[in-house]
Amino acid sequence: MFDIGPEKLLIVLGLALIIFGPGKIPEMAKSMGKGLREFRKAQSDIREELVGHFNETNGSGPAPDAGTKAPEEHRQDGQEKG
């Protein structure tokens, strides 16, 4: 996707150091980290809300964990208990 080698990366970091100065770069990195963290949290919240809404509209509860076995009444092969 991006063809950024180590040389180009060093040039970009050097220019950023010259333009913003050594004191501003850690502050910028910190604010970028906070923004990314907030974005991931919002993404996770939206995903959980959509999955919950999907489960409500289908009439099923939360999806079972991969390690748990489906109840006998709702087996995946379509046969009922008995």
PDB file of N, CA and C in Angstrom:
ATOM      1  N   MET A   1       0.827  -1.176   0.000  1.00  0.00           N
ATOM      2  CA  MET A   1       0.000   0.000   0.000  1.00  0.00           C
ATOM      3  C   MET A   1       0.877   1.248   0.000  1.00  0.00           C
ATOM      4  N   PHE A   2       1.644   1.444   1.046  1.00  0.00           N
ATOM      5  CA  PHE A   2       2.568   2.567   1.103  1.00  0.00           C
ATOM      6  C   PHE A   2       3.974   2.028   0.924  1.00  0.00           C
ATOM      7  N   ASP A   3       4.723   2.675   0.088  1.00  0.00           N
ATOM      8  CA  ASP A   3       6.098   2.246  -0.142  1.00  0.00           C
ATOM      9  C   ASP A   3       7.033   3.155   0.660  1.00  0.00           C
ATOM     10  N   ILE A   4       6.989   2.992   1.988  1.00  0.00           N
ATOM     11  CA  ILE A   4       7.822   3.812   2.859  1.00  0.00           C
ATOM     12  C   ILE A   4       8.909   2.916   3.437  1.00  0.00           C
ATOM     13  N   GLY A   5      10.110   3.147   3.006  1.00  0.00           N
ATOM     14  CA  GLY A   5      11.248   2.410   3.521  1.00  0.00           C
ATOM     15  C   GLY A   5      11.838   3.123   4.723  1.00  0.00           C
ATOM     16  N   PRO A   6      12.870   2.553   5.307  1.00  0.00           N
ATOM     17  CA  PRO A   6      13.489   3.173   6.478  1.00  0.00           C
ATOM     18  C   PRO A   6      14.099   4.549   6.178  1.00  0.00           C
ATOM     19  N   GLU A   7      14.626   4.715   4.965  1.00  0.00           N
ATOM     20  CA  GLU A   7      15.225   6.005   4.622  1.00  0.00           C
ATOM     21  C   GLU A   7      14.175   7.101   4.580  1.00  0.00           C
ATOM     22  N   LYS A   8      13.044   6.820   3.927  1.00  0.00           N
ATOM     23  CA  LYS A   8      11.972   7.806   3.824  1.00  0.00           C
ATOM     24  C   LYS A   8      11.384   8.110   5.197  1.00  0.00           C
ATOM     25  N   LEU A   9      11.278   7.097   6.025  1.00  0.00           N
ATOM     26  CA  LEU A   9      10.746   7.292   7.362  1.00  0.00           C
ATOM     27  C   LEU A   9      11.658   8.211   8.173  1.00  0.00           C
ATOM     28  N   LEU A  10      12.954   8.011   8.081  1.00  0.00           N
ATOM     29  CA  LEU A  10      13.907   8.879   8.782  1.00  0.00           C
ATOM     30  C   LEU A  10      13.834  10.319   8.278  1.00  0.00           C
ATOM     31  N   ILE A  11      13.651  10.494   6.987  1.00  0.00           N
ATOM     32  CA  ILE A  11      13.532  11.846   6.425  1.00  0.00           C
ATOM     33  C   ILE A  11      12.278  12.533   6.964  1.00  0.00           C
ATOM     34  N   VAL A  12      11.166  11.813   6.974  1.00  0.00           N
ATOM     35  CA  VAL A  12       9.919  12.387   7.478  1.00  0.00           C
ATOM     36  C   VAL A  12      10.049  12.725   8.962  1.00  0.00           C
ATOM     37  N   LEU A  13      10.631  11.833   9.745  1.00  0.00           N
ATOM     38  CA  LEU A  13      10.813  12.109  11.171  1.00  0.00           C
ATOM     39  C   LEU A  13      11.770  13.270  11.401  1.00  0.00           C
ATOM     40  N   GLY A  14      12.815  13.368  10.596  1.00  0.00           N
ATOM     41  CA  GLY A  14      13.746  14.492  10.702  1.00  0.00           C
ATOM     42  C   GLY A  14      13.072  15.813  10.383  1.00  0.00           C
ATOM     43  N   LEU A  15      12.254  15.842   9.333  1.00  0.00           N
ATOM     44  CA  LEU A  15      11.514  17.060   8.992  1.00  0.00           C
ATOM     45  C   LEU A  15      10.530  17.440  10.096  1.00  0.00           C
ATOM     46  N   ALA A  16       9.869  16.446  10.670  1.00  0.00           N
ATOM     47  CA  ALA A  16       8.939  16.724  11.763  1.00  0.00           C
ATOM     48  C   ALA A  16       9.687  17.294  12.962  1.00  0.00           C
ATOM     49  N   LEU A  17      10.862  16.793  13.236  1.00  0.00           N
ATOM     50  CA  LEU A  17      11.670  17.300  14.341  1.00  0.00           C
ATOM     51  C   LEU A  17      12.086  18.747  14.092  1.00  0.00           C
ATOM     52  N   ILE A  18      12.455  19.058  12.860  1.00  0.00           N
ATOM     53  CA  ILE A  18      12.853  20.424  12.526  1.00  0.00           C
ATOM     54  C   ILE A  18      11.655  21.373  12.592  1.00  0.00           C
ATOM     55  N   ILE A  19      10.524  20.957  12.050  1.00  0.00           N
ATOM     56  CA  ILE A  19       9.352  21.828  11.980  1.00  0.00           C
ATOM     57  C   ILE A  19       8.714  22.039  13.358  1.00  0.00           C
ATOM     58  N   PHE A  20       8.479  20.969  14.096  1.00  0.00           N
ATOM     59  CA  PHE A  20       7.732  21.072  15.352  1.00  0.00           C
ATOM     60  C   PHE A  20       8.618  21.201  16.583  1.00  0.00           C
ATOM     61  N   GLY A  21       9.852  20.793  16.503  1.00  0.00           N
ATOM     62  CA  GLY A  21      10.752  20.884  17.648  1.00  0.00           C
ATOM     63  C   GLY A  21      10.653  19.657  18.531  1.00  0.00           C
ATOM     64  N   PRO A  22      11.684  19.439  19.344  1.00  0.00           N
ATOM     65  CA  PRO A  22      11.730  18.221  20.162  1.00  0.00           C
ATOM     66  C   PRO A  22      10.694  18.187  21.288  1.00  0.00           C
ATOM     67  N   GLY A  23      10.192  19.332  21.732  1.00  0.00           N
ATOM     68  CA  GLY A  23       9.225  19.345  22.828  1.00  0.00           C
ATOM     69  C   GLY A  23       7.805  19.059  22.373  1.00  0.00           C
ATOM     70  N   LYS A  24       7.508  19.386  21.143  1.00  0.00           N
ATOM     71  CA  LYS A  24       6.132  19.256  20.653  1.00  0.00           C
ATOM     72  C   LYS A  24       5.809  17.844  20.151  1.00  0.00           C
ATOM     73  N   ILE A  25       6.785  17.114  19.669  1.00  0.00           N
ATOM     74  CA  ILE A  25       6.542  15.787  19.090  1.00  0.00           C
ATOM     75  C   ILE A  25       5.960  14.800  20.110  1.00  0.00           C
ATOM     76  N   PRO A  26       6.485  14.715  21.345  1.00  0.00           N
ATOM     77  CA  PRO A  26       5.854  13.800  22.311  1.00  0.00           C
ATOM     78  C   PRO A  26       4.400  14.181  22.633  1.00  0.00           C
ATOM     79  N   GLU A  27       4.116  15.480  22.690  1.00  0.00           N
ATOM     80  CA  GLU A  27       2.744  15.913  22.931  1.00  0.00           C
ATOM     81  C   GLU A  27       1.834  15.495  21.782  1.00  0.00           C
ATOM     82  N   MET A  28       2.314  15.643  20.565  1.00  0.00           N
ATOM     83  CA  MET A  28       1.525  15.258  19.399  1.00  0.00           C
ATOM     84  C   MET A  28       1.285  13.754  19.389  1.00  0.00           C
ATOM     85  N   ALA A  29       2.305  12.979  19.714  1.00  0.00           N
ATOM     86  CA  ALA A  29       2.160  11.522  19.742  1.00  0.00           C
ATOM     87  C   ALA A  29       1.164  11.102  20.825  1.00  0.00           C
ATOM     88  N   LYS A  30       1.216  11.787  21.964  1.00  0.00           N
ATOM     89  CA  LYS A  30       0.296  11.472  23.051  1.00  0.00           C
ATOM     90  C   LYS A  30      -1.140  11.761  22.640  1.00  0.00           C
ATOM     91  N   SER A  31      -1.368  12.906  22.007  1.00  0.00           N
ATOM     92  CA  SER A  31      -2.734  13.247  21.584  1.00  0.00           C
ATOM     93  C   SER A  31      -3.211  12.320  20.464  1.00  0.00           C
ATOM     94  N   MET A  32      -2.315  11.907  19.580  1.00  0.00           N
ATOM     95  CA  MET A  32      -2.695  10.949  18.536  1.00  0.00           C
ATOM     96  C   MET A  32      -3.074   9.609  19.157  1.00  0.00           C
ATOM     97  N   GLY A  33      -2.333   9.192  20.190  1.00  0.00           N
ATOM     98  CA  GLY A  33      -2.651   7.944  20.888  1.00  0.00           C
ATOM     99  C   GLY A  33      -4.003   8.002  21.566  1.00  0.00           C
ATOM    100  N   LYS A  34      -4.304   9.150  22.202  1.00  0.00           N
ATOM    101  CA  LYS A  34      -5.609   9.306  22.841  1.00  0.00           C
ATOM    102  C   LYS A  34      -6.731   9.264  21.801  1.00  0.00           C
ATOM    103  N   GLY A  35      -6.515   9.933  20.691  1.00  0.00           N
ATOM    104  CA  GLY A  35      -7.522   9.941  19.640  1.00  0.00           C
ATOM    105  C   GLY A  35      -7.770   8.557  19.083  1.00  0.00           C
ATOM    106  N   LEU A  36      -6.696   7.804  18.867  1.00  0.00           N
ATOM    107  CA  LEU A  36      -6.826   6.442  18.353  1.00  0.00           C
ATOM    108  C   LEU A  36      -7.538   5.548  19.363  1.00  0.00           C
ATOM    109  N   ARG A  37      -7.217   5.720  20.636  1.00  0.00           N
ATOM    110  CA  ARG A  37      -7.868   4.942  21.693  1.00  0.00           C
ATOM    111  C   ARG A  37      -9.367   5.242  21.732  1.00  0.00           C
ATOM    112  N   GLU A  38      -9.736   6.528  21.638  1.00  0.00           N
ATOM    113  CA  GLU A  38     -11.144   6.898  21.637  1.00  0.00           C
ATOM    114  C   GLU A  38     -11.860   6.349  20.401  1.00  0.00           C
ATOM    115  N   PHE A  39     -11.186   6.374  19.260  1.00  0.00           N
ATOM    116  CA  PHE A  39     -11.773   5.842  18.034  1.00  0.00           C
ATOM    117  C   PHE A  39     -12.038   4.350  18.170  1.00  0.00           C
ATOM    118  N   ARG A  40     -11.083   3.612  18.708  1.00  0.00           N
ATOM    119  CA  ARG A  40     -11.266   2.165  18.884  1.00  0.00           C
ATOM    120  C   ARG A  40     -12.387   1.861  19.868  1.00  0.00           C
ATOM    121  N   LYS A  41     -12.487   2.668  20.954  1.00  0.00           N
ATOM    122  CA  LYS A  41     -13.558   2.463  21.923  1.00  0.00           C
ATOM    123  C   LYS A  41     -14.916   2.725  21.279  1.00  0.00           C
ATOM    124  N   ALA A  42     -15.022   3.802  20.495  1.00  0.00           N
ATOM    125  CA  ALA A  42     -16.283   4.107  19.817  1.00  0.00           C
ATOM    126  C   ALA A  42     -16.633   3.002  18.828  1.00  0.00           C
ATOM    127  N   GLN A  43     -15.633   2.498  18.121  1.00  0.00           N
ATOM    128  CA  GLN A  43     -15.853   1.420  17.160  1.00  0.00           C
ATOM    129  C   GLN A  43     -16.358   0.172  17.888  1.00  0.00           C
ATOM    130  N   SER A  44     -15.763  -0.138  19.023  1.00  0.00           N
ATOM    131  CA  SER A  44     -16.174  -1.301  19.799  1.00  0.00           C
ATOM    132  C   SER A  44     -17.598  -1.128  20.329  1.00  0.00           C
ATOM    133  N   ASP A  45     -17.915   0.077  20.819  1.00  0.00           N
ATOM    134  CA  ASP A  45     -19.258   0.336  21.324  1.00  0.00           C
ATOM    135  C   ASP A  45     -20.304   0.182  20.222  1.00  0.00           C
ATOM    136  N   ILE A  46     -20.017   0.707  19.050  1.00  0.00           N
ATOM    137  CA  ILE A  46     -20.956   0.596  17.931  1.00  0.00           C
ATOM    138  C   ILE A  46     -21.139  -0.862  17.529  1.00  0.00           C
ATOM    139  N   ARG A  47     -20.045  -1.603  17.489  1.00  0.00           N
ATOM    140  CA  ARG A  47     -20.130  -3.024  17.123  1.00  0.00           C
ATOM    141  C   ARG A  47     -20.994  -3.782  18.127  1.00  0.00           C
ATOM    142  N   GLU A  48     -20.781  -3.526  19.438  1.00  0.00           N
ATOM    143  CA  GLU A  48     -21.581  -4.207  20.460  1.00  0.00           C
ATOM    144  C   GLU A  48     -23.056  -3.836  20.338  1.00  0.00           C
ATOM    145  N   GLU A  49     -23.344  -2.568  20.053  1.00  0.00           N
ATOM    146  CA  GLU A  49     -24.724  -2.135  19.908  1.00  0.00           C
ATOM    147  C   GLU A  49     -25.386  -2.798  18.703  1.00  0.00           C
ATOM    148  N   LEU A  50     -24.664  -2.884  17.597  1.00  0.00           N
ATOM    149  CA  LEU A  50     -25.228  -3.519  16.404  1.00  0.00           C
ATOM    150  C   LEU A  50     -25.463  -5.006  16.622  1.00  0.00           C
ATOM    151  N   VAL A  51     -24.537  -5.674  17.264  1.00  0.00           N
ATOM    152  CA  VAL A  51     -24.698  -7.103  17.526  1.00  0.00           C
ATOM    153  C   VAL A  51     -25.874  -7.315  18.471  1.00  0.00           C
ATOM    154  N   GLY A  52     -26.005  -6.463  19.494  1.00  0.00           N
ATOM    155  CA  GLY A  52     -27.135  -6.580  20.418  1.00  0.00           C
ATOM    156  C   GLY A  52     -28.452  -6.349  19.702  1.00  0.00           C
ATOM    157  N   HIS A  53     -28.491  -5.362  18.836  1.00  0.00           N
ATOM    158  CA  HIS A  53     -29.715  -5.089  18.073  1.00  0.00           C
ATOM    159  C   HIS A  53     -30.033  -6.250  17.135  1.00  0.00           C
ATOM    160  N   PHE A  54     -29.017  -6.802  16.508  1.00  0.00           N
ATOM    161  CA  PHE A  54     -29.213  -7.934  15.600  1.00  0.00           C
ATOM    162  C   PHE A  54     -29.773  -9.131  16.363  1.00  0.00           C
ATOM    163  N   ASN A  55     -29.225  -9.383  17.543  1.00  0.00           N
ATOM    164  CA  ASN A  55     -29.704 -10.507  18.345  1.00  0.00           C
ATOM    165  C   ASN A  55     -31.142 -10.286  18.807  1.00  0.00           C
ATOM    166  N   GLU A  56     -31.502  -9.033  19.127  1.00  0.00           N
ATOM    167  CA  GLU A  56     -32.872  -8.743  19.557  1.00  0.00           C
ATOM    168  C   GLU A  56     -33.864  -8.952  18.413  1.00  0.00           C
ATOM    169  N   THR A  57     -33.502  -8.515  17.209  1.00  0.00           N
ATOM    170  CA  THR A  57     -34.433  -8.645  16.087  1.00  0.00           C
ATOM    171  C   THR A  57     -34.595 -10.089  15.654  1.00  0.00           C
ATOM    172  N   ASN A  58     -33.609 -10.923  15.882  1.00  0.00           N
ATOM    173  CA  ASN A  58     -33.716 -12.337  15.528  1.00  0.00           C
ATOM    174  C   ASN A  58     -34.348 -13.158  16.632  1.00  0.00           C
ATOM    175  N   GLY A  59     -34.581 -12.542  17.778  1.00  0.00           N
ATOM    176  CA  GLY A  59     -35.227 -13.247  18.873  1.00  0.00           C
ATOM    177  C   GLY A  59     -34.294 -14.172  19.628  1.00  0.00           C
ATOM    178  N   SER A  60     -33.025 -14.081  19.378  1.00  0.00           N
ATOM    179  CA  SER A  60     -32.085 -14.936  20.094  1.00  0.00           C
ATOM    180  C   SER A  60     -31.339 -14.102  21.121  1.00  0.00           C
ATOM    181  N   GLY A  61     -30.805 -14.752  22.092  1.00  0.00           N
ATOM    182  CA  GLY A  61     -30.017 -14.076  23.110  1.00  0.00           C
ATOM    183  C   GLY A  61     -28.621 -13.828  22.599  1.00  0.00           C
ATOM    184  N   PRO A  62     -27.728 -13.531  23.494  1.00  0.00           N
ATOM    185  CA  PRO A  62     -26.349 -13.315  23.068  1.00  0.00           C
ATOM    186  C   PRO A  62     -25.756 -14.582  22.455  1.00  0.00           C
ATOM    187  N   ALA A  63     -24.847 -14.391  21.528  1.00  0.00           N
ATOM    188  CA  ALA A  63     -24.237 -15.529  20.844  1.00  0.00           C
ATOM    189  C   ALA A  63     -23.432 -16.353  21.839  1.00  0.00           C
ATOM    190  N   PRO A  64     -23.542 -17.691  21.785  1.00  0.00           N
ATOM    191  CA  PRO A  64     -22.766 -18.528  22.703  1.00  0.00           C
ATOM    192  C   PRO A  64     -21.288 -18.461  22.360  1.00  0.00           C
ATOM    193  N   ASP A  65     -20.485 -18.686  23.383  1.00  0.00           N
ATOM    194  CA  ASP A  65     -19.041 -18.712  23.169  1.00  0.00           C
ATOM    195  C   ASP A  65     -18.682 -19.914  22.307  1.00  0.00           C
ATOM    196  N   ALA A  66     -17.520 -19.825  21.667  1.00  0.00           N
ATOM    197  CA  ALA A  66     -17.088 -20.903  20.786  1.00  0.00           C
ATOM    198  C   ALA A  66     -16.876 -22.200  21.558  1.00  0.00           C
ATOM    199  N   GLY A  67     -16.532 -22.094  22.834  1.00  0.00           N
ATOM    200  CA  GLY A  67     -16.247 -23.283  23.622  1.00  0.00           C
ATOM    201  C   GLY A  67     -17.472 -23.913  24.246  1.00  0.00           C
ATOM    202  N   THR A  68     -18.622 -23.253  24.206  1.00  0.00           N
ATOM    203  CA  THR A  68     -19.816 -23.807  24.831  1.00  0.00           C
ATOM    204  C   THR A  68     -20.640 -24.576  23.818  1.00  0.00           C
ATOM    205  N   LYS A  69     -21.408 -25.513  24.311  1.00  0.00           N
ATOM    206  CA  LYS A  69     -22.231 -26.355  23.449  1.00  0.00           C
ATOM    207  C   LYS A  69     -23.634 -25.761  23.375  1.00  0.00           C
ATOM    208  N   ALA A  70     -24.255 -25.823  22.226  1.00  0.00           N
ATOM    209  CA  ALA A  70     -25.610 -25.312  22.049  1.00  0.00           C
ATOM    210  C   ALA A  70     -26.570 -26.153  22.869  1.00  0.00           C
ATOM    211  N   PRO A  71     -27.634 -25.540  23.427  1.00  0.00           N
ATOM    212  CA  PRO A  71     -28.616 -26.317  24.203  1.00  0.00           C
ATOM    213  C   PRO A  71     -29.266 -27.379  23.329  1.00  0.00           C
ATOM    214  N   GLU A  72     -29.772 -28.415  23.983  1.00  0.00           N
ATOM    215  CA  GLU A  72     -30.381 -29.545  23.272  1.00  0.00           C
ATOM    216  C   GLU A  72     -31.592 -29.114  22.448  1.00  0.00           C
ATOM    217  N   GLU A  73     -32.408 -28.154  22.986  1.00  0.00           N
ATOM    218  CA  GLU A  73     -33.621 -27.749  22.291  1.00  0.00           C
ATOM    219  C   GLU A  73     -33.308 -27.029  20.977  1.00  0.00           C
ATOM    220  N   HIS A  74     -32.193 -26.392  20.870  1.00  0.00           N
ATOM    221  CA  HIS A  74     -31.843 -25.593  19.707  1.00  0.00           C
ATOM    222  C   HIS A  74     -30.589 -26.123  19.017  1.00  0.00           C
ATOM    223  N   ARG A  75     -30.585 -27.390  18.764  1.00  0.00           N
ATOM    224  CA  ARG A  75     -29.408 -27.957  18.121  1.00  0.00           C
ATOM    225  C   ARG A  75     -29.318 -27.466  16.690  1.00  0.00           C
ATOM    226  N   GLN A  76     -28.116 -27.407  16.176  1.00  0.00           N
ATOM    227  CA  GLN A  76     -27.910 -26.845  14.849  1.00  0.00           C
ATOM    228  C   GLN A  76     -28.344 -27.778  13.728  1.00  0.00           C
ATOM    229  N   ASP A  77     -28.525 -29.054  14.017  1.00  0.00           N
ATOM    230  CA  ASP A  77     -28.939 -29.965  12.967  1.00  0.00           C
ATOM    231  C   ASP A  77     -30.458 -29.935  12.718  1.00  0.00           C
ATOM    232  N   GLY A  78     -31.183 -29.106  13.499  1.00  0.00           N
ATOM    233  CA  GLY A  78     -32.613 -28.905  13.261  1.00  0.00           C
ATOM    234  C   GLY A  78     -33.494 -29.911  13.986  1.00  0.00           C
ATOM    235  N   GLN A  79     -32.937 -30.944  14.613  1.00  0.00           N
ATOM    236  CA  GLN A  79     -33.734 -31.928  15.305  1.00  0.00           C
ATOM    237  C   GLN A  79     -33.995 -31.456  16.723  1.00  0.00           C
ATOM    238  N   GLU A  80     -35.202 -31.696  17.188  1.00  0.00           N
ATOM    239  CA  GLU A  80     -35.540 -31.310  18.553  1.00  0.00           C
ATOM    240  C   GLU A  80     -35.169 -32.414  19.515  1.00  0.00           C
ATOM    241  N   LYS A  81     -35.104 -32.038  20.780  1.00  0.00           N
ATOM    242  CA  LYS A  81     -34.783 -32.987  21.840  1.00  0.00           C
ATOM    243  C   LYS A  81     -35.922 -33.999  21.968  1.00  0.00           C
ATOM    244  N   GLY A  82     -35.563 -35.246  22.172  1.00  0.00           N
ATOM    245  CA  GLY A  82     -36.601 -36.212  22.451  1.00  0.00           C
ATOM    246  C   GLY A  82     -36.570 -37.356  21.577  1.00  0.00           C
TER     247      GLY A  82
END
